[in-house]
Protein backbone atom coordinates (compact mmCIF):
# COMPACT_ATOMS: atom_id res chain seq x y z
CA MET A 1 170.21 21.84 121.23
CA PRO A 2 166.52 22.06 120.23
CA THR A 3 165.61 24.28 117.35
CA THR A 4 163.08 26.97 117.93
CA THR A 5 160.67 28.12 115.32
CA LYS A 6 160.20 31.79 114.77
CA ARG A 7 156.70 32.99 115.47
CA LYS A 8 155.13 35.41 113.07
CA PRO A 9 154.26 38.74 114.65
CA VAL A 10 150.58 39.29 115.30
CA VAL A 11 149.15 42.00 113.11
CA ARG A 12 146.70 44.24 114.87
CA ILE A 13 144.27 46.36 112.90
CA HIS A 14 142.90 49.10 115.10
CA LEU A 15 139.39 50.18 114.17
CA ARG A 16 137.87 53.26 115.69
CA GLU A 17 134.16 53.53 116.24
CA ALA A 18 131.64 55.32 114.02
CA LYS A 19 133.58 55.56 110.77
CA LEU A 20 130.94 53.53 108.94
CA LYS A 21 127.95 54.73 110.89
CA GLY A 22 124.89 52.67 109.96
CA TYR A 23 126.79 50.01 107.97
CA HIS A 24 125.90 46.48 109.06
CA VAL A 25 126.91 43.40 107.10
CA LYS A 26 123.67 41.66 108.09
CA ASP A 27 121.61 44.25 106.18
CA ARG A 28 120.55 43.80 102.56
CA ALA A 29 122.95 44.89 99.84
CA ASP A 30 120.93 47.93 98.77
CA SER A 31 120.75 49.34 102.31
CA ARG A 32 124.47 48.72 102.94
CA ARG A 33 125.39 50.47 99.72
CA ARG A 34 123.00 53.34 100.42
CA VAL A 35 124.79 53.98 103.72
CA LEU A 36 128.21 53.91 102.04
CA THR A 37 127.25 56.25 99.21
CA SER A 38 125.46 58.67 101.53
CA GLY A 39 128.62 58.91 103.64
CA ILE A 40 130.66 59.85 100.58
CA ASN A 41 128.04 62.17 99.09
CA ARG A 42 127.54 64.05 102.35
CA LYS A 43 131.33 64.29 102.73
CA ARG A 44 131.32 62.68 106.16
CA VAL A 45 134.01 60.23 105.06
CA THR A 46 136.20 59.93 102.00
CA TYR A 47 136.28 57.06 99.53
CA ALA A 48 139.74 56.03 100.76
CA GLU A 49 138.64 55.93 104.40
CA ILE A 50 135.69 53.71 103.58
CA VAL A 51 137.75 51.32 101.47
CA ARG A 52 140.44 51.06 104.15
CA ARG A 53 137.85 50.32 106.79
CA LEU A 54 136.04 47.73 104.67
CA ASN A 55 139.34 46.08 103.75
CA ALA A 56 140.30 45.82 107.42
CA LEU A 57 136.93 44.24 108.22
CA ALA A 58 137.31 41.79 105.34
CA ILE A 59 140.79 40.78 106.46
CA MET A 60 139.66 40.26 110.05
CA ASN A 61 136.74 38.05 109.00
CA LYS A 62 138.24 36.09 106.12
CA ARG A 63 139.02 32.89 108.02
CA THR A 64 136.16 32.76 110.50
CA HIS A 65 133.31 34.25 108.41
CA PRO A 66 134.01 33.88 104.68
CA GLY A 67 130.42 34.81 103.78
CA THR A 68 130.80 38.14 105.57
CA THR A 69 134.06 38.78 103.76
CA ALA A 70 132.38 38.08 100.41
CA LYS A 71 129.68 40.66 101.16
CA ILE A 72 132.27 43.25 102.19
CA ARG A 73 134.37 42.63 99.08
CA ALA A 74 131.24 42.98 96.92
CA ASP A 75 130.52 46.35 98.54
CA MET A 76 134.11 47.44 97.90
CA LEU A 77 133.75 46.45 94.25
CA TYR A 78 130.48 48.39 94.02
CA LEU A 79 132.17 51.51 95.37
CA LYS A 80 135.07 51.06 92.98
CA HIS A 81 132.76 50.89 89.98
CA LYS A 82 130.69 53.82 91.18
CA TYR A 83 133.44 56.25 92.17
CA ARG A 84 136.80 55.15 90.77
CA ASP A 85 136.35 53.53 87.40
CA GLU A 86 137.17 55.72 84.46
CA LYS A 87 135.72 55.27 81.05
CA PRO A 88 137.90 53.07 78.86
CA LYS A 89 140.27 54.98 76.66
CA LYS A 90 139.75 54.70 72.95
CA ARG A 91 142.58 53.12 71.08
CA SER A 92 144.06 55.11 68.26
CA ALA A 93 143.96 53.77 64.72
CA ARG A 94 147.73 53.44 64.75
CA SER A 95 147.76 51.08 67.72
CA ARG A 96 145.22 48.84 66.00
CA THR A 97 147.50 48.16 63.07
CA ARG A 98 149.52 45.03 63.18
CA ARG A 99 153.27 45.38 63.50
CA ARG A 100 155.76 42.84 62.28
């Protein structure tokens, strides 16, 4: 009896139109980032919606267009530093002492 291999299920990421209106990967970095920040500042889309959308685009392009994925990931990192990074917490004097 021949053995059959199990096929992995195909993952479909459904993207609706006009969530990232004006965002094109072929544009320069400053214009791409201007579109992303204006969407958040004007409260058209939330930070989470943009990151989800960019992540889906990066996943869909990672094998066929790695350069595109690198640009998208760089934009995601830019947004993270601009909107989500908190200032580093100061360590207390007690935590700096060496314990034995």
